[in-house]
Amino acid sequence: MSYSFTGRLWRWQGEAPASWIFVTLPGDIAFEIKCQVADRRAWGSVAVEARIGATAWHTSLFPEKAAGSYLLPIKASVRKTENLGDGDEATIELTVKG
């Protein structure tokens, strides 16, 4: 399963300052993935290959119950290479793995 979408990067707001940056998947894509994978991994995570621009990486999507979606973590090295920061929009290609 492969998807392409544009999303806004946002910084995790916890009790302490965090360096974690995420993109929330659009609801329709999250729903389709949820129906296909049916919690095959711990904590409902889903293995994916993601791409922004020329940069690809392997990671996991993590369920976000409040929005009924998934969160895609955007690694610091990806943000640096693609010149992205908190609040920027990015076009993301996503392939769900096995």
N, C-alpha and C. Protein backbone atom coordinates (compact mmCIF):
# COMPACT_ATOMS: atom_id res chain seq x y z
N MET A 1 0.85 -1.17 0.00
CA MET A 1 0.00 0.00 0.00
C MET A 1 0.89 1.24 0.00
N SER A 2 0.65 2.11 -0.94
CA SER A 2 1.41 3.35 -1.03
C SER A 2 0.46 4.54 -1.06
N TYR A 3 0.91 5.63 -0.47
CA TYR A 3 0.08 6.84 -0.35
C TYR A 3 0.96 8.06 -0.55
N SER A 4 0.34 9.15 -0.98
CA SER A 4 1.01 10.43 -1.07
C SER A 4 0.05 11.49 -0.52
N PHE A 5 0.59 12.38 0.32
CA PHE A 5 -0.24 13.43 0.91
C PHE A 5 0.65 14.58 1.35
N THR A 6 0.05 15.70 1.61
CA THR A 6 0.75 16.86 2.15
C THR A 6 0.30 17.07 3.58
N GLY A 7 1.26 17.26 4.47
CA GLY A 7 0.93 17.45 5.88
C GLY A 7 1.83 18.50 6.51
N ARG A 8 1.36 19.04 7.62
CA ARG A 8 2.11 20.06 8.36
C ARG A 8 2.90 19.41 9.49
N LEU A 9 4.17 19.75 9.60
CA LEU A 9 5.03 19.25 10.68
C LEU A 9 4.68 20.00 11.96
N TRP A 10 4.64 19.26 13.07
CA TRP A 10 4.35 19.88 14.36
C TRP A 10 5.19 19.22 15.46
N ARG A 11 5.51 20.02 16.46
CA ARG A 11 6.37 19.58 17.56
C ARG A 11 5.50 19.03 18.70
N TRP A 12 5.93 17.89 19.23
CA TRP A 12 5.25 17.26 20.37
C TRP A 12 5.29 18.21 21.56
N GLN A 13 4.15 18.44 22.17
CA GLN A 13 4.06 19.34 23.32
C GLN A 13 3.77 18.51 24.57
N GLY A 14 4.81 18.11 25.26
CA GLY A 14 4.65 17.35 26.49
C GLY A 14 4.99 18.21 27.69
N GLU A 15 5.24 17.57 28.80
CA GLU A 15 5.57 18.30 30.02
C GLU A 15 6.93 18.99 29.92
N ALA A 16 7.85 18.41 29.20
CA ALA A 16 9.17 19.01 29.01
C ALA A 16 9.33 19.33 27.53
N PRO A 17 10.19 20.29 27.20
CA PRO A 17 10.42 20.59 25.78
C PRO A 17 10.88 19.33 25.05
N ALA A 18 10.35 19.13 23.87
CA ALA A 18 10.66 17.91 23.13
C ALA A 18 11.22 18.25 21.76
N SER A 19 12.00 17.34 21.24
CA SER A 19 12.54 17.54 19.90
C SER A 19 11.81 16.68 18.88
N TRP A 20 10.78 15.96 19.32
CA TRP A 20 10.05 15.10 18.41
C TRP A 20 9.14 15.93 17.51
N ILE A 21 9.27 15.71 16.20
CA ILE A 21 8.44 16.39 15.20
C ILE A 21 7.66 15.31 14.46
N PHE A 22 6.37 15.56 14.26
CA PHE A 22 5.48 14.60 13.61
C PHE A 22 4.67 15.25 12.50
N VAL A 23 4.08 14.39 11.68
CA VAL A 23 3.01 14.76 10.76
C VAL A 23 1.85 13.82 11.08
N THR A 24 0.65 14.35 11.18
CA THR A 24 -0.54 13.53 11.38
C THR A 24 -1.09 13.14 10.02
N LEU A 25 -1.31 11.85 9.83
CA LEU A 25 -1.85 11.39 8.55
C LEU A 25 -3.29 11.87 8.36
N PRO A 26 -3.67 12.14 7.11
CA PRO A 26 -5.08 12.47 6.84
C PRO A 26 -5.97 11.31 7.27
N GLY A 27 -7.17 11.64 7.72
CA GLY A 27 -8.09 10.64 8.25
C GLY A 27 -8.41 9.49 7.31
N ASP A 28 -8.61 9.79 6.03
CA ASP A 28 -8.98 8.73 5.09
C ASP A 28 -7.83 7.74 4.89
N ILE A 29 -6.61 8.23 4.84
CA ILE A 29 -5.45 7.35 4.68
C ILE A 29 -5.26 6.53 5.96
N ALA A 30 -5.36 7.17 7.12
CA ALA A 30 -5.22 6.45 8.39
C ALA A 30 -6.25 5.34 8.51
N PHE A 31 -7.49 5.63 8.13
CA PHE A 31 -8.55 4.63 8.21
C PHE A 31 -8.25 3.43 7.31
N GLU A 32 -7.80 3.70 6.09
CA GLU A 32 -7.48 2.61 5.16
C GLU A 32 -6.33 1.75 5.70
N ILE A 33 -5.30 2.39 6.23
CA ILE A 33 -4.18 1.64 6.80
C ILE A 33 -4.66 0.81 7.99
N LYS A 34 -5.44 1.41 8.86
CA LYS A 34 -5.95 0.71 10.05
C LYS A 34 -6.75 -0.53 9.66
N CYS A 35 -7.55 -0.42 8.62
CA CYS A 35 -8.36 -1.56 8.15
C CYS A 35 -7.48 -2.66 7.56
N GLN A 36 -6.38 -2.29 6.94
CA GLN A 36 -5.51 -3.27 6.28
C GLN A 36 -4.57 -3.99 7.24
N VAL A 37 -4.04 -3.27 8.23
CA VAL A 37 -3.00 -3.87 9.07
C VAL A 37 -3.51 -4.48 10.36
N ALA A 38 -4.59 -4.00 10.90
CA ALA A 38 -5.26 -4.59 12.07
C ALA A 38 -4.31 -4.93 13.23
N ASP A 39 -3.54 -3.93 13.68
CA ASP A 39 -2.71 -4.07 14.89
C ASP A 39 -1.80 -5.30 14.88
N ARG A 40 -0.97 -5.42 13.87
CA ARG A 40 -0.06 -6.55 13.79
C ARG A 40 1.20 -6.38 14.61
N ARG A 41 1.50 -5.14 15.08
CA ARG A 41 2.72 -4.90 15.84
C ARG A 41 2.38 -4.30 17.20
N ALA A 42 3.40 -4.26 18.03
CA ALA A 42 3.23 -3.71 19.38
C ALA A 42 2.69 -2.30 19.35
N TRP A 43 1.83 -1.97 20.28
CA TRP A 43 1.24 -0.65 20.46
C TRP A 43 0.48 -0.17 19.23
N GLY A 44 0.17 -1.06 18.30
CA GLY A 44 -0.56 -0.66 17.10
C GLY A 44 0.29 0.07 16.08
N SER A 45 1.62 0.01 16.23
CA SER A 45 2.49 0.68 15.27
C SER A 45 2.48 -0.04 13.93
N VAL A 46 2.84 0.70 12.89
CA VAL A 46 2.82 0.16 11.53
C VAL A 46 4.15 0.50 10.87
N ALA A 47 4.87 -0.51 10.39
CA ALA A 47 6.16 -0.30 9.71
C ALA A 47 5.92 0.34 8.35
N VAL A 48 6.70 1.39 8.05
CA VAL A 48 6.56 2.09 6.78
C VAL A 48 7.92 2.52 6.25
N GLU A 49 7.95 2.80 4.96
CA GLU A 49 9.04 3.56 4.36
C GLU A 49 8.44 4.90 3.97
N ALA A 50 9.08 5.97 4.39
CA ALA A 50 8.58 7.31 4.10
C ALA A 50 9.59 8.04 3.23
N ARG A 51 9.09 9.01 2.46
CA ARG A 51 9.96 9.82 1.61
C ARG A 51 9.43 11.25 1.61
N ILE A 52 10.35 12.19 1.80
CA ILE A 52 10.08 13.61 1.59
C ILE A 52 11.17 14.09 0.65
N GLY A 53 10.80 14.61 -0.49
CA GLY A 53 11.78 15.04 -1.48
C GLY A 53 12.67 13.88 -1.88
N ALA A 54 13.99 14.07 -1.77
CA ALA A 54 14.94 13.03 -2.16
C ALA A 54 15.33 12.13 -0.99
N THR A 55 14.74 12.36 0.19
CA THR A 55 15.14 11.64 1.40
C THR A 55 14.12 10.58 1.78
N ALA A 56 14.59 9.34 1.87
CA ALA A 56 13.73 8.21 2.28
C ALA A 56 14.28 7.62 3.57
N TRP A 57 13.38 7.09 4.40
CA TRP A 57 13.80 6.45 5.64
C TRP A 57 12.74 5.43 6.07
N HIS A 58 13.18 4.48 6.90
CA HIS A 58 12.29 3.47 7.47
C HIS A 58 11.92 3.90 8.88
N THR A 59 10.65 3.77 9.22
CA THR A 59 10.17 4.17 10.54
C THR A 59 8.87 3.43 10.81
N SER A 60 8.17 3.86 11.82
CA SER A 60 6.85 3.31 12.14
C SER A 60 5.86 4.44 12.33
N LEU A 61 4.63 4.18 11.95
CA LEU A 61 3.52 5.07 12.29
C LEU A 61 3.04 4.66 13.68
N PHE A 62 2.59 5.64 14.46
CA PHE A 62 2.08 5.36 15.79
C PHE A 62 0.65 5.85 15.89
N PRO A 63 -0.24 5.02 16.46
CA PRO A 63 -1.65 5.44 16.55
C PRO A 63 -1.81 6.67 17.44
N GLU A 64 -2.71 7.53 17.02
CA GLU A 64 -3.04 8.74 17.78
C GLU A 64 -4.54 8.68 18.03
N LYS A 65 -4.91 8.24 19.21
CA LYS A 65 -6.31 7.93 19.50
C LYS A 65 -7.23 9.15 19.47
N ALA A 66 -6.76 10.30 19.95
CA ALA A 66 -7.63 11.48 20.02
C ALA A 66 -8.14 11.88 18.64
N ALA A 67 -7.27 11.81 17.63
CA ALA A 67 -7.66 12.19 16.26
C ALA A 67 -8.10 10.98 15.45
N GLY A 68 -7.92 9.78 15.99
CA GLY A 68 -8.26 8.57 15.24
C GLY A 68 -7.38 8.41 14.02
N SER A 69 -6.12 8.78 14.13
CA SER A 69 -5.21 8.76 13.00
C SER A 69 -3.90 8.09 13.41
N TYR A 70 -2.87 8.32 12.62
CA TYR A 70 -1.52 7.87 12.92
C TYR A 70 -0.59 9.07 12.88
N LEU A 71 0.50 8.97 13.64
CA LEU A 71 1.55 9.98 13.62
C LEU A 71 2.77 9.42 12.92
N LEU A 72 3.35 10.22 12.03
CA LEU A 72 4.59 9.87 11.35
C LEU A 72 5.71 10.72 11.93
N PRO A 73 6.69 10.10 12.62
CA PRO A 73 7.81 10.87 13.14
C PRO A 73 8.74 11.28 11.99
N ILE A 74 9.16 12.55 12.01
CA ILE A 74 10.06 13.07 10.98
C ILE A 74 11.44 13.24 11.62
N LYS A 75 12.38 12.40 11.24
CA LYS A 75 13.72 12.40 11.84
C LYS A 75 14.42 13.74 11.63
N ALA A 76 15.28 14.10 12.59
CA ALA A 76 16.05 15.34 12.50
C ALA A 76 16.89 15.38 11.23
N SER A 77 17.48 14.26 10.86
CA SER A 77 18.32 14.23 9.65
C SER A 77 17.50 14.51 8.39
N VAL A 78 16.26 14.04 8.37
CA VAL A 78 15.37 14.31 7.23
C VAL A 78 15.02 15.79 7.20
N ARG A 79 14.65 16.34 8.36
CA ARG A 79 14.30 17.76 8.43
C ARG A 79 15.46 18.64 7.98
N LYS A 80 16.66 18.28 8.40
CA LYS A 80 17.84 19.07 8.04
C LYS A 80 18.10 18.98 6.53
N THR A 81 18.10 17.78 6.00
CA THR A 81 18.37 17.58 4.57
C THR A 81 17.34 18.28 3.70
N GLU A 82 16.08 18.22 4.10
CA GLU A 82 14.99 18.78 3.29
C GLU A 82 14.63 20.22 3.71
N ASN A 83 15.41 20.78 4.66
CA ASN A 83 15.22 22.16 5.11
C ASN A 83 13.80 22.40 5.62
N LEU A 84 13.37 21.56 6.56
CA LEU A 84 12.02 21.63 7.11
C LEU A 84 12.07 21.88 8.61
N GLY A 85 11.07 22.57 9.12
CA GLY A 85 10.96 22.80 10.55
C GLY A 85 9.53 22.76 11.01
N ASP A 86 9.35 22.93 12.30
CA ASP A 86 8.03 22.94 12.92
C ASP A 86 7.13 23.95 12.19
N GLY A 87 5.96 23.49 11.76
CA GLY A 87 4.99 24.35 11.08
C GLY A 87 5.07 24.31 9.57
N ASP A 88 6.15 23.77 9.01
CA ASP A 88 6.27 23.68 7.55
C ASP A 88 5.38 22.57 7.00
N GLU A 89 4.99 22.70 5.75
CA GLU A 89 4.25 21.64 5.06
C GLU A 89 5.21 20.85 4.19
N ALA A 90 4.93 19.55 4.07
CA ALA A 90 5.76 18.68 3.23
C ALA A 90 4.86 17.69 2.51
N THR A 91 5.26 17.33 1.31
CA THR A 91 4.59 16.25 0.58
C THR A 91 5.32 14.97 0.92
N ILE A 92 4.54 14.00 1.38
CA ILE A 92 5.09 12.75 1.90
C ILE A 92 4.59 11.59 1.08
N GLU A 93 5.53 10.72 0.71
CA GLU A 93 5.18 9.44 0.08
C GLU A 93 5.39 8.38 1.15
N LEU A 94 4.42 7.49 1.27
CA LEU A 94 4.43 6.53 2.36
C LEU A 94 4.09 5.15 1.80
N THR A 95 4.92 4.16 2.13
CA THR A 95 4.66 2.78 1.72
C THR A 95 4.59 1.92 2.98
N VAL A 96 3.47 1.25 3.18
CA VAL A 96 3.30 0.35 4.32
C VAL A 96 4.05 -0.93 4.02
N LYS A 97 4.84 -1.40 4.99
CA LYS A 97 5.65 -2.61 4.84
C LYS A 97 4.96 -3.81 5.44
N GLY A 98 5.20 -4.97 4.81
CA GLY A 98 4.78 -6.27 5.20
C GLY A 98 3.78 -6.39 6.25
